[in-house]
Amino acid sequence: MSCPTHDVPSPRRIAELEASTGIDPDALTRLQTDPAVSFTDAYADPNIIDCGRAHCREQGG
């Protein structure tokens, strides 16, 4: 059973991964300052969203 909140890569997660792996150290800053990116996509952190699914709470997602 997949979760549309936690099992789908968000723009923020992708940017954080690119920055942490060194692919693009400025990815998160670039995402947050891009006028074409919505505020929600730039700042929403799926890790702190409670979707209500027990599986996600157990996984810490």
PDB file of N, CA and C in Angstrom:
ATOM      1  N   MET A   1       0.855  -1.172   0.000  1.00  0.00           N
ATOM      2  CA  MET A   1       0.000   0.000   0.000  1.00  0.00           C
ATOM      3  C   MET A   1       0.904   1.240   0.000  1.00  0.00           C
ATOM      4  N   SER A   2       0.780   2.045  -1.035  1.00  0.00           N
ATOM      5  CA  SER A   2       1.637   3.218  -1.122  1.00  0.00           C
ATOM      6  C   SER A   2       0.926   4.458  -0.576  1.00  0.00           C
ATOM      7  N   CYS A   3       1.727   5.397  -0.176  1.00  0.00           N
ATOM      8  CA  CYS A   3       1.218   6.636   0.403  1.00  0.00           C
ATOM      9  C   CYS A   3       1.548   7.784  -0.560  1.00  0.00           C
ATOM     10  N   PRO A   4       0.545   8.558  -0.968  1.00  0.00           N
ATOM     11  CA  PRO A   4       0.806   9.663  -1.886  1.00  0.00           C
ATOM     12  C   PRO A   4       1.625  10.796  -1.259  1.00  0.00           C
ATOM     13  N   THR A   5       1.733  10.818   0.053  1.00  0.00           N
ATOM     14  CA  THR A   5       2.519  11.848   0.733  1.00  0.00           C
ATOM     15  C   THR A   5       3.965  11.420   0.905  1.00  0.00           C
ATOM     16  N   HIS A   6       4.185  10.181   1.314  1.00  0.00           N
ATOM     17  CA  HIS A   6       5.519   9.749   1.693  1.00  0.00           C
ATOM     18  C   HIS A   6       6.236   8.863   0.671  1.00  0.00           C
ATOM     19  N   ASP A   7       5.519   8.266  -0.264  1.00  0.00           N
ATOM     20  CA  ASP A   7       6.147   7.356  -1.216  1.00  0.00           C
ATOM     21  C   ASP A   7       6.375   7.974  -2.584  1.00  0.00           C
ATOM     22  N   VAL A   8       6.168   9.265  -2.689  1.00  0.00           N
ATOM     23  CA  VAL A   8       6.379   9.984  -3.938  1.00  0.00           C
ATOM     24  C   VAL A   8       7.495  11.002  -3.701  1.00  0.00           C
ATOM     25  N   PRO A   9       8.506  11.033  -4.547  1.00  0.00           N
ATOM     26  CA  PRO A   9       9.596  11.991  -4.322  1.00  0.00           C
ATOM     27  C   PRO A   9       9.113  13.434  -4.471  1.00  0.00           C
ATOM     28  N   SER A  10       9.343  14.218  -3.456  1.00  0.00           N
ATOM     29  CA  SER A  10       8.960  15.629  -3.508  1.00  0.00           C
ATOM     30  C   SER A  10      10.136  16.442  -4.048  1.00  0.00           C
ATOM     31  N   PRO A  11       9.852  17.602  -4.626  1.00  0.00           N
ATOM     32  CA  PRO A  11      10.946  18.451  -5.106  1.00  0.00           C
ATOM     33  C   PRO A  11      11.955  18.768  -3.993  1.00  0.00           C
ATOM     34  N   ARG A  12      11.466  18.965  -2.776  1.00  0.00           N
ATOM     35  CA  ARG A  12      12.373  19.274  -1.663  1.00  0.00           C
ATOM     36  C   ARG A  12      13.288  18.086  -1.363  1.00  0.00           C
ATOM     37  N   ARG A  13      12.730  16.878  -1.328  1.00  0.00           N
ATOM     38  CA  ARG A  13      13.555  15.690  -1.054  1.00  0.00           C
ATOM     39  C   ARG A  13      14.610  15.487  -2.132  1.00  0.00           C
ATOM     40  N   ILE A  14      14.221  15.706  -3.375  1.00  0.00           N
ATOM     41  CA  ILE A  14      15.175  15.555  -4.480  1.00  0.00           C
ATOM     42  C   ILE A  14      16.309  16.569  -4.323  1.00  0.00           C
ATOM     43  N   ALA A  15      15.962  17.820  -4.021  1.00  0.00           N
ATOM     44  CA  ALA A  15      16.982  18.858  -3.851  1.00  0.00           C
ATOM     45  C   ALA A  15      17.891  18.543  -2.663  1.00  0.00           C
ATOM     46  N   GLU A  16      17.313  18.055  -1.560  1.00  0.00           N
ATOM     47  CA  GLU A  16      18.128  17.694  -0.397  1.00  0.00           C
ATOM     48  C   GLU A  16      19.087  16.552  -0.735  1.00  0.00           C
ATOM     49  N   LEU A  17      18.612  15.583  -1.496  1.00  0.00           N
ATOM     50  CA  LEU A  17      19.465  14.464  -1.894  1.00  0.00           C
ATOM     51  C   LEU A  17      20.593  14.937  -2.809  1.00  0.00           C
ATOM     52  N   GLU A  18      20.270  15.794  -3.759  1.00  0.00           N
ATOM     53  CA  GLU A  18      21.303  16.328  -4.653  1.00  0.00           C
ATOM     54  C   GLU A  18      22.358  17.103  -3.864  1.00  0.00           C
ATOM     55  N   ALA A  19      21.926  17.871  -2.879  1.00  0.00           N
ATOM     56  CA  ALA A  19      22.867  18.654  -2.074  1.00  0.00           C
ATOM     57  C   ALA A  19      23.722  17.747  -1.187  1.00  0.00           C
ATOM     58  N   SER A  20      23.091  16.760  -0.563  1.00  0.00           N
ATOM     59  CA  SER A  20      23.837  15.899   0.365  1.00  0.00           C
ATOM     60  C   SER A  20      24.819  14.974  -0.341  1.00  0.00           C
ATOM     61  N   THR A  21      24.551  14.640  -1.583  1.00  0.00           N
ATOM     62  CA  THR A  21      25.469  13.767  -2.325  1.00  0.00           C
ATOM     63  C   THR A  21      26.518  14.554  -3.105  1.00  0.00           C
ATOM     64  N   GLY A  22      26.378  15.876  -3.112  1.00  0.00           N
ATOM     65  CA  GLY A  22      27.355  16.699  -3.805  1.00  0.00           C
ATOM     66  C   GLY A  22      27.062  16.884  -5.281  1.00  0.00           C
ATOM     67  N   ILE A  23      25.962  16.334  -5.761  1.00  0.00           N
ATOM     68  CA  ILE A  23      25.605  16.495  -7.178  1.00  0.00           C
ATOM     69  C   ILE A  23      25.369  17.970  -7.480  1.00  0.00           C
ATOM     70  N   ASP A  24      24.643  18.629  -6.612  1.00  0.00           N
ATOM     71  CA  ASP A  24      24.352  20.054  -6.764  1.00  0.00           C
ATOM     72  C   ASP A  24      24.249  20.665  -5.366  1.00  0.00           C
ATOM     73  N   PRO A  25      25.349  21.173  -4.828  1.00  0.00           N
ATOM     74  CA  PRO A  25      25.353  21.704  -3.463  1.00  0.00           C
ATOM     75  C   PRO A  25      24.340  22.832  -3.223  1.00  0.00           C
ATOM     76  N   ASP A  26      23.951  23.542  -4.267  1.00  0.00           N
ATOM     77  CA  ASP A  26      23.026  24.660  -4.121  1.00  0.00           C
ATOM     78  C   ASP A  26      21.605  24.297  -4.532  1.00  0.00           C
ATOM     79  N   ALA A  27      21.290  23.021  -4.652  1.00  0.00           N
ATOM     80  CA  ALA A  27      19.980  22.596  -5.160  1.00  0.00           C
ATOM     81  C   ALA A  27      18.828  23.101  -4.303  1.00  0.00           C
ATOM     82  N   LEU A  28      18.943  23.024  -2.993  1.00  0.00           N
ATOM     83  CA  LEU A  28      17.845  23.439  -2.119  1.00  0.00           C
ATOM     84  C   LEU A  28      17.637  24.957  -2.196  1.00  0.00           C
ATOM     85  N   THR A  29      18.706  25.699  -2.186  1.00  0.00           N
ATOM     86  CA  THR A  29      18.606  27.158  -2.309  1.00  0.00           C
ATOM     87  C   THR A  29      18.003  27.532  -3.648  1.00  0.00           C
ATOM     88  N   ARG A  30      18.447  26.862  -4.703  1.00  0.00           N
ATOM     89  CA  ARG A  30      17.932  27.143  -6.041  1.00  0.00           C
ATOM     90  C   ARG A  30      16.435  26.817  -6.114  1.00  0.00           C
ATOM     91  N   LEU A  31      16.020  25.712  -5.502  1.00  0.00           N
ATOM     92  CA  LEU A  31      14.607  25.330  -5.486  1.00  0.00           C
ATOM     93  C   LEU A  31      13.776  26.386  -4.769  1.00  0.00           C
ATOM     94  N   GLN A  32      14.261  26.855  -3.635  1.00  0.00           N
ATOM     95  CA  GLN A  32      13.493  27.802  -2.826  1.00  0.00           C
ATOM     96  C   GLN A  32      13.450  29.202  -3.417  1.00  0.00           C
ATOM     97  N   THR A  33      14.352  29.526  -4.320  1.00  0.00           N
ATOM     98  CA  THR A  33      14.358  30.863  -4.917  1.00  0.00           C
ATOM     99  C   THR A  33      13.842  30.882  -6.356  1.00  0.00           C
ATOM    100  N   ASP A  34      13.505  29.730  -6.895  1.00  0.00           N
ATOM    101  CA  ASP A  34      13.003  29.648  -8.272  1.00  0.00           C
ATOM    102  C   ASP A  34      11.562  30.157  -8.316  1.00  0.00           C
ATOM    103  N   PRO A  35      11.300  31.223  -9.077  1.00  0.00           N
ATOM    104  CA  PRO A  35       9.941  31.767  -9.128  1.00  0.00           C
ATOM    105  C   PRO A  35       8.933  30.814  -9.777  1.00  0.00           C
ATOM    106  N   ALA A  36       9.400  29.842 -10.537  1.00  0.00           N
ATOM    107  CA  ALA A  36       8.495  28.896 -11.199  1.00  0.00           C
ATOM    108  C   ALA A  36       8.038  27.769 -10.263  1.00  0.00           C
ATOM    109  N   VAL A  37       8.677  27.658  -9.094  1.00  0.00           N
ATOM    110  CA  VAL A  37       8.352  26.594  -8.143  1.00  0.00           C
ATOM    111  C   VAL A  37       7.400  27.152  -7.084  1.00  0.00           C
ATOM    112  N   SER A  38       6.353  26.399  -6.796  1.00  0.00           N
ATOM    113  CA  SER A  38       5.392  26.874  -5.796  1.00  0.00           C
ATOM    114  C   SER A  38       6.017  26.871  -4.401  1.00  0.00           C
ATOM    115  N   PHE A  39       5.484  27.695  -3.534  1.00  0.00           N
ATOM    116  CA  PHE A  39       5.971  27.773  -2.156  1.00  0.00           C
ATOM    117  C   PHE A  39       5.858  26.403  -1.488  1.00  0.00           C
ATOM    118  N   THR A  40       4.743  25.727  -1.725  1.00  0.00           N
ATOM    119  CA  THR A  40       4.523  24.415  -1.113  1.00  0.00           C
ATOM    120  C   THR A  40       5.578  23.414  -1.562  1.00  0.00           C
ATOM    121  N   ASP A  41       5.882  23.373  -2.851  1.00  0.00           N
ATOM    122  CA  ASP A  41       6.904  22.445  -3.343  1.00  0.00           C
ATOM    123  C   ASP A  41       8.286  22.779  -2.797  1.00  0.00           C
ATOM    124  N   ALA A  42       8.572  24.049  -2.633  1.00  0.00           N
ATOM    125  CA  ALA A  42       9.894  24.461  -2.178  1.00  0.00           C
ATOM    126  C   ALA A  42      10.119  24.222  -0.690  1.00  0.00           C
ATOM    127  N   TYR A  43       9.086  24.338   0.123  1.00  0.00           N
ATOM    128  CA  TYR A  43       9.279  24.287   1.569  1.00  0.00           C
ATOM    129  C   TYR A  43       8.605  23.129   2.290  1.00  0.00           C
ATOM    130  N   ALA A  44       7.684  22.437   1.641  1.00  0.00           N
ATOM    131  CA  ALA A  44       6.973  21.337   2.306  1.00  0.00           C
ATOM    132  C   ALA A  44       7.934  20.197   2.618  1.00  0.00           C
ATOM    133  N   ASP A  45       7.923  19.756   3.843  1.00  0.00           N
ATOM    134  CA  ASP A  45       8.779  18.653   4.276  1.00  0.00           C
ATOM    135  C   ASP A  45       7.896  17.445   4.572  1.00  0.00           C
ATOM    136  N   PRO A  46       7.852  16.459   3.669  1.00  0.00           N
ATOM    137  CA  PRO A  46       6.998  15.294   3.876  1.00  0.00           C
ATOM    138  C   PRO A  46       7.299  14.538   5.166  1.00  0.00           C
ATOM    139  N   ASN A  47       8.488  14.692   5.705  1.00  0.00           N
ATOM    140  CA  ASN A  47       8.851  13.978   6.931  1.00  0.00           C
ATOM    141  C   ASN A  47       8.053  14.438   8.147  1.00  0.00           C
ATOM    142  N   ILE A  48       7.510  15.645   8.109  1.00  0.00           N
ATOM    143  CA  ILE A  48       6.766  16.133   9.270  1.00  0.00           C
ATOM    144  C   ILE A  48       5.254  16.123   9.050  1.00  0.00           C
ATOM    145  N   ILE A  49       4.812  15.601   7.909  1.00  0.00           N
ATOM    146  CA  ILE A  49       3.383  15.532   7.614  1.00  0.00           C
ATOM    147  C   ILE A  49       2.826  14.211   8.129  1.00  0.00           C
ATOM    148  N   ASP A  50       1.762  14.297   8.896  1.00  0.00           N
ATOM    149  CA  ASP A  50       1.093  13.091   9.387  1.00  0.00           C
ATOM    150  C   ASP A  50      -0.061  12.790   8.438  1.00  0.00           C
ATOM    151  N   CYS A  51       0.120  11.784   7.597  1.00  0.00           N
ATOM    152  CA  CYS A  51      -0.903  11.424   6.626  1.00  0.00           C
ATOM    153  C   CYS A  51      -1.995  10.561   7.243  1.00  0.00           C
ATOM    154  N   GLY A  52      -1.775  10.086   8.458  1.00  0.00           N
ATOM    155  CA  GLY A  52      -2.761   9.278   9.139  1.00  0.00           C
ATOM    156  C   GLY A  52      -2.610   7.779   8.929  1.00  0.00           C
ATOM    157  N   ARG A  53      -1.662   7.356   8.117  1.00  0.00           N
ATOM    158  CA  ARG A  53      -1.469   5.936   7.845  1.00  0.00           C
ATOM    159  C   ARG A  53      -0.541   5.335   8.905  1.00  0.00           C
ATOM    160  N   ALA A  54      -0.982   4.224   9.465  1.00  0.00           N
ATOM    161  CA  ALA A  54      -0.189   3.565  10.500  1.00  0.00           C
ATOM    162  C   ALA A  54       1.172   3.130   9.968  1.00  0.00           C
ATOM    163  N   HIS A  55       1.221   2.654   8.737  1.00  0.00           N
ATOM    164  CA  HIS A  55       2.485   2.195   8.153  1.00  0.00           C
ATOM    165  C   HIS A  55       3.509   3.340   8.116  1.00  0.00           C
ATOM    166  N   CYS A  56       3.082   4.523   7.738  1.00  0.00           N
ATOM    167  CA  CYS A  56       4.001   5.650   7.665  1.00  0.00           C
ATOM    168  C   CYS A  56       4.502   6.053   9.055  1.00  0.00           C
ATOM    169  N   ARG A  57       3.624   5.994  10.054  1.00  0.00           N
ATOM    170  CA  ARG A  57       4.052   6.321  11.420  1.00  0.00           C
ATOM    171  C   ARG A  57       5.066   5.310  11.916  1.00  0.00           C
ATOM    172  N   GLU A  58       4.867   4.042  11.580  1.00  0.00           N
ATOM    173  CA  GLU A  58       5.800   2.985  11.997  1.00  0.00           C
ATOM    174  C   GLU A  58       7.148   3.129  11.316  1.00  0.00           C
ATOM    175  N   GLN A  59       7.154   3.586  10.067  1.00  0.00           N
ATOM    176  CA  GLN A  59       8.386   3.755   9.299  1.00  0.00           C
ATOM    177  C   GLN A  59       9.077   5.072   9.622  1.00  0.00           C
ATOM    178  N   GLY A  60       8.395   5.962  10.311  1.00  0.00           N
ATOM    179  CA  GLY A  60       8.980   7.261  10.639  1.00  0.00           C
ATOM    180  C   GLY A  60       8.859   8.247   9.508  1.00  0.00           C
ATOM    181  N   GLY A  61       8.017   7.967   8.524  1.00  0.00           N
ATOM    182  CA  GLY A  61       7.872   8.822   7.350  1.00  0.00           C
ATOM    183  C   GLY A  61       6.765   9.765   7.384  1.00  0.00           C
TER     184      GLY A  61
END
